[in-house]
Amino acid sequence: MTETVMVTGAASGIGMACARLLVAEGREVVAVDLKHEALASALPKTASLELVAADLAREDDCAAAVARAVARFGKLDALLHWAAVHSTASWEELGAAEMNRLLTVNVTGSFLIAQAAARAMLPRGKGAIVLCASTAVINGSIGGPPGNGGPAYVTSKAAITGLVRSLARALAPQGIRVNAVAPGVTDTPMIATYTPEQRRATEGRTPLGRLAEPEEIASVGCFLISEAARYVSGEVVIVNGAAQFG
């Protein structure tokens, strides 16, 4: 039976690469992003693809997106949740509103979509969920120009590790695995403000000598939902080309 996979953040970056990869592999894909028009222009037209516009920081939108998946394809086998917002505000600039915005979208949103997906997986007694962390947590990125994640972003991504480990333990008896991917610097719109000098410096700190391509991060997420990873749960997989930290 063809697997049904929900991919969030599917209109650009890693999410778009992931949705395209899964469609090419013959999966049924439910692609989710804030705007339907962006999804339609980013992804190929195919009968195996359902486009859903949703704000994943809203509980009702998460439930509705999962309901659309089940209504269209009859089930949901996996969730790859890449959607997130970024903040470069330094500790001096950061205020409560910006901090709460990041936590609401990146942390609460991750929980809500994982919760909705898990509820759909429970009756079948199996499923896989992959969330998105970040190696910014390891090196303590401090924000500021020209585009590094600041303390709000780092804190929101640090919370994903705790969320993954808690959900992995809670859902394992129901046959549902939960993991995360922690990408290094990836060539997506999130780093559009990097200067040429910053790109070269980042590449210089990476033993592989380049930034990650979105497809390289997406493929690790796809591995984690696959049968090959059937005994992997509660893990945060770092994908950063052996980059130095600090």
Protein backbone atom coordinates (compact mmCIF):
# COMPACT_ATOMS: atom_id res chain seq x y z
CA MET A 1 0.00 0.00 0.00
CA THR A 2 1.29 3.45 -0.90
CA GLU A 3 2.42 5.49 2.09
CA THR A 4 0.75 8.80 2.89
CA VAL A 5 3.13 11.47 4.19
CA MET A 6 2.40 14.99 5.40
CA VAL A 7 5.15 17.55 4.74
CA THR A 8 4.98 21.00 6.31
CA GLY A 9 6.83 24.09 5.14
CA ALA A 10 6.42 22.59 1.69
CA ALA A 11 6.40 25.83 -0.31
CA SER A 12 10.14 26.44 0.00
CA GLY A 13 13.48 25.22 1.30
CA ILE A 14 13.82 21.81 2.92
CA GLY A 15 10.06 21.23 2.99
CA MET A 16 9.73 21.81 -0.75
CA ALA A 17 12.68 19.52 -1.47
CA CYS A 18 11.15 16.88 0.77
CA ALA A 19 7.72 17.03 -0.86
CA ARG A 20 9.24 16.80 -4.35
CA LEU A 21 11.40 13.84 -3.32
CA LEU A 22 8.45 11.93 -1.88
CA VAL A 23 6.26 12.62 -4.94
CA ALA A 24 9.07 11.37 -7.20
CA GLU A 25 9.23 8.19 -5.10
CA GLY A 26 5.54 7.58 -5.65
CA ARG A 27 4.25 8.51 -2.17
CA GLU A 28 0.93 10.18 -1.46
CA VAL A 29 1.92 13.62 -0.17
CA VAL A 30 -0.06 16.17 1.81
CA ALA A 31 1.88 19.42 1.39
CA VAL A 32 1.18 22.10 3.99
CA ASP A 33 2.19 25.75 4.14
CA LEU A 34 0.67 29.10 5.04
CA LYS A 35 -0.44 30.03 1.52
CA HIS A 36 -2.04 27.79 -1.08
CA GLU A 37 -0.70 29.90 -3.96
CA ALA A 38 2.90 29.40 -2.83
CA LEU A 39 2.38 25.64 -2.61
CA ALA A 40 0.79 25.49 -6.06
CA SER A 41 3.70 27.32 -7.67
CA ALA A 42 6.37 25.33 -5.81
CA LEU A 43 5.18 21.77 -6.41
CA PRO A 44 4.29 19.67 -9.45
CA LYS A 45 0.67 19.00 -10.32
CA THR A 46 -0.08 15.34 -9.66
CA ALA A 47 -2.97 13.22 -8.38
CA SER A 48 -0.80 11.97 -5.52
CA LEU A 49 -0.45 15.47 -4.03
CA GLU A 50 -2.90 17.32 -1.77
CA LEU A 51 -2.20 21.00 -1.05
CA VAL A 52 -3.32 22.40 2.31
CA ALA A 53 -3.01 26.01 3.48
CA ALA A 54 -2.75 26.13 7.27
CA ASP A 55 -1.30 28.10 10.18
CA LEU A 56 0.32 25.36 12.22
CA ALA A 57 0.48 27.53 15.33
CA ARG A 58 -3.32 27.11 15.47
CA GLU A 59 -4.73 23.92 16.94
CA ASP A 60 -7.78 23.94 14.67
CA ASP A 61 -5.63 24.31 11.55
CA CYS A 62 -3.45 21.36 12.56
CA ALA A 63 -6.47 19.16 13.14
CA ALA A 64 -8.03 20.28 9.87
CA ALA A 65 -4.85 19.57 7.88
CA VAL A 66 -4.66 16.03 9.23
CA ALA A 67 -8.38 15.54 8.58
CA ARG A 68 -7.80 16.59 4.94
CA ALA A 69 -5.05 13.99 4.64
CA VAL A 70 -7.28 11.22 5.96
CA ALA A 71 -10.24 12.33 3.87
CA ARG A 72 -8.17 12.37 0.68
CA PHE A 73 -6.00 9.28 1.15
CA GLY A 74 -7.72 7.32 3.93
CA LYS A 75 -4.81 7.39 6.38
CA LEU A 76 -1.65 9.15 7.51
CA ASP A 77 1.55 7.14 7.79
CA ALA A 78 4.12 9.83 8.51
CA LEU A 79 4.72 13.49 9.27
CA LEU A 80 7.80 15.47 8.25
CA HIS A 81 7.49 18.85 9.98
CA TRP A 82 9.93 21.41 8.55
CA ALA A 83 7.87 24.60 8.95
CA ALA A 84 9.41 27.23 11.24
CA VAL A 85 10.10 30.94 11.61
CA HIS A 86 13.48 32.56 12.10
CA SER A 87 14.73 35.41 14.27
CA THR A 88 18.10 37.15 14.21
CA ALA A 89 17.38 39.45 17.16
CA SER A 90 20.26 39.55 19.64
CA TRP A 91 19.75 39.35 23.39
CA GLU A 92 19.82 43.15 23.58
CA GLU A 93 17.19 43.61 20.88
CA LEU A 94 14.93 40.70 21.76
CA GLY A 95 11.60 41.50 23.42
CA ALA A 96 8.80 39.38 24.82
CA ALA A 97 6.67 39.62 21.68
CA GLU A 98 9.40 38.26 19.41
CA MET A 99 10.37 35.54 21.88
CA ASN A 100 6.76 34.43 22.24
CA ARG A 101 6.25 34.48 18.47
CA LEU A 102 9.13 32.07 17.98
CA LEU A 103 8.04 29.79 20.79
CA THR A 104 4.44 29.76 19.57
CA VAL A 105 5.27 28.83 15.98
CA ASN A 106 8.34 26.66 16.43
CA VAL A 107 7.54 24.87 19.68
CA THR A 108 3.79 24.95 20.21
CA GLY A 109 3.24 24.49 16.48
CA SER A 110 5.53 21.46 16.42
CA PHE A 111 3.62 19.92 19.30
CA LEU A 112 0.20 20.65 17.82
CA ILE A 113 0.90 19.15 14.40
CA ALA A 114 2.63 16.14 15.98
CA GLN A 115 -0.33 15.67 18.31
CA ALA A 116 -2.85 15.85 15.46
CA ALA A 117 -0.80 13.44 13.34
CA ALA A 118 -0.38 10.97 16.20
CA ARG A 119 -4.11 10.92 16.83
CA ALA A 120 -4.67 9.89 13.20
CA MET A 121 -1.98 7.19 13.45
CA LEU A 122 -3.25 5.62 16.68
CA PRO A 123 -6.05 3.48 15.18
CA ARG A 124 -3.56 1.77 12.84
CA GLY A 125 -0.96 1.24 15.56
CA LYS A 126 1.95 2.60 13.58
CA GLY A 127 3.45 5.79 12.23
CA ALA A 128 6.51 8.02 12.13
CA ILE A 129 6.96 11.68 13.03
CA VAL A 130 10.03 13.79 12.25
CA LEU A 131 10.46 17.31 13.65
CA CYS A 132 13.14 19.86 12.80
CA ALA A 133 15.78 20.94 15.33
CA SER A 134 18.95 22.91 14.55
CA THR A 135 22.70 22.75 15.14
CA ALA A 136 22.41 26.41 16.22
CA VAL A 137 21.57 24.88 19.61
CA ILE A 138 25.01 23.27 19.79
CA ASN A 139 27.11 26.29 18.87
CA GLY A 140 24.93 28.83 20.70
CA SER A 141 24.24 31.12 17.76
CA ILE A 142 23.81 34.69 19.09
CA GLY A 143 21.97 36.47 16.27
CA GLY A 144 22.59 39.88 14.78
CA PRO A 145 23.40 40.78 11.18
CA PRO A 146 23.67 39.41 8.63
CA GLY A 147 21.35 36.51 9.44
CA ASN A 148 22.47 34.22 12.27
CA GLY A 149 19.74 32.83 14.51
CA GLY A 150 19.46 34.65 17.83
CA PRO A 151 18.42 33.47 21.30
CA ALA A 152 14.71 33.21 20.46
CA TYR A 153 15.42 30.92 17.51
CA VAL A 154 18.02 28.87 19.40
CA THR A 155 15.71 28.46 22.40
CA SER A 156 12.81 27.36 20.21
CA LYS A 157 14.95 24.75 18.50
CA ALA A 158 16.45 23.52 21.77
CA ALA A 159 12.91 22.75 22.94
CA ILE A 160 12.47 20.33 20.02
CA THR A 161 14.94 17.91 21.60
CA GLY A 162 12.86 17.67 24.77
CA LEU A 163 9.64 17.41 22.79
CA VAL A 164 11.00 14.59 20.62
CA ARG A 165 12.20 12.57 23.59
CA SER A 166 8.96 12.99 25.51
CA LEU A 167 6.74 12.13 22.54
CA ALA A 168 8.97 9.20 21.55
CA ARG A 169 8.50 7.58 24.94
CA ALA A 170 4.80 8.36 25.12
CA LEU A 171 3.96 7.09 21.63
CA ALA A 172 6.27 4.08 21.33
CA PRO A 173 3.75 1.69 22.94
CA GLN A 174 1.31 2.71 20.19
CA GLY A 175 3.86 1.89 17.48
CA ILE A 176 4.61 5.51 16.60
CA ARG A 177 8.23 6.63 16.28
CA VAL A 178 9.33 10.24 16.84
CA ASN A 179 12.69 11.71 15.80
CA ALA A 180 14.19 15.00 14.64
CA VAL A 181 16.74 16.25 12.14
CA ALA A 182 19.14 19.00 13.21
CA PRO A 183 20.47 20.62 10.03
CA GLY A 184 23.60 22.69 9.77
CA VAL A 185 23.57 25.80 7.59
CA THR A 186 21.50 24.91 4.54
CA ASP A 187 21.14 26.84 1.30
CA THR A 188 17.51 27.94 1.75
CA PRO A 189 15.67 31.30 1.92
CA MET A 190 16.43 31.35 5.67
CA ILE A 191 20.01 32.41 4.89
CA ALA A 192 19.12 34.81 2.08
CA THR A 193 20.63 37.70 4.06
CA TYR A 194 24.04 36.05 4.42
CA THR A 195 26.79 38.13 2.86
CA PRO A 196 29.26 36.49 0.45
CA GLU A 197 31.86 36.74 3.20
CA GLN A 198 29.62 34.95 5.68
CA ARG A 199 28.88 32.17 3.22
CA ARG A 200 32.60 31.67 2.59
CA ALA A 201 33.31 31.67 6.33
CA THR A 202 30.59 29.09 6.95
CA GLU A 203 31.91 26.90 4.16
CA GLY A 204 35.41 27.25 5.63
CA ARG A 205 34.21 25.88 8.98
CA THR A 206 32.70 22.85 7.27
CA PRO A 207 35.11 20.01 6.46
CA LEU A 208 33.00 19.06 3.44
CA GLY A 209 33.68 22.60 2.21
CA ARG A 210 30.15 23.71 1.34
CA LEU A 211 26.68 24.43 2.67
CA ALA A 212 24.04 21.71 2.73
CA GLU A 213 21.57 21.45 -0.11
CA PRO A 214 17.91 21.21 0.95
CA GLU A 215 17.61 17.77 -0.64
CA GLU A 216 20.43 16.46 1.55
CA ILE A 217 18.55 17.39 4.72
CA ALA A 218 15.20 16.20 3.35
CA SER A 219 16.62 12.79 2.49
CA VAL A 220 17.62 12.19 6.11
CA GLY A 221 14.08 12.99 7.22
CA CYS A 222 12.77 10.56 4.60
CA PHE A 223 15.13 7.90 5.93
CA LEU A 224 13.79 8.40 9.46
CA ILE A 225 10.21 7.68 8.38
CA SER A 226 11.27 4.63 6.37
CA GLU A 227 11.21 0.96 7.29
CA ALA A 228 15.02 1.05 7.36
CA ALA A 229 14.76 3.24 10.50
CA ARG A 230 12.08 1.11 12.18
CA TYR A 231 14.06 0.82 15.46
CA VAL A 232 15.11 4.48 15.60
CA SER A 233 13.09 6.69 17.94
CA GLY A 234 13.81 9.57 20.30
CA GLU A 235 16.86 10.67 18.31
CA VAL A 236 18.01 14.04 17.02
CA VAL A 237 20.16 13.38 13.96
CA ILE A 238 22.78 16.05 13.24
CA VAL A 239 23.34 16.69 9.53
CA ASN A 240 26.03 19.34 9.16
CA GLY A 241 28.94 18.09 7.08
CA ALA A 242 31.14 17.68 10.20
CA ALA A 243 31.12 21.43 10.77
CA GLN A 244 33.00 22.80 13.74
CA PHE A 245 31.00 24.24 16.60
CA GLY A 246 31.70 27.36 18.57
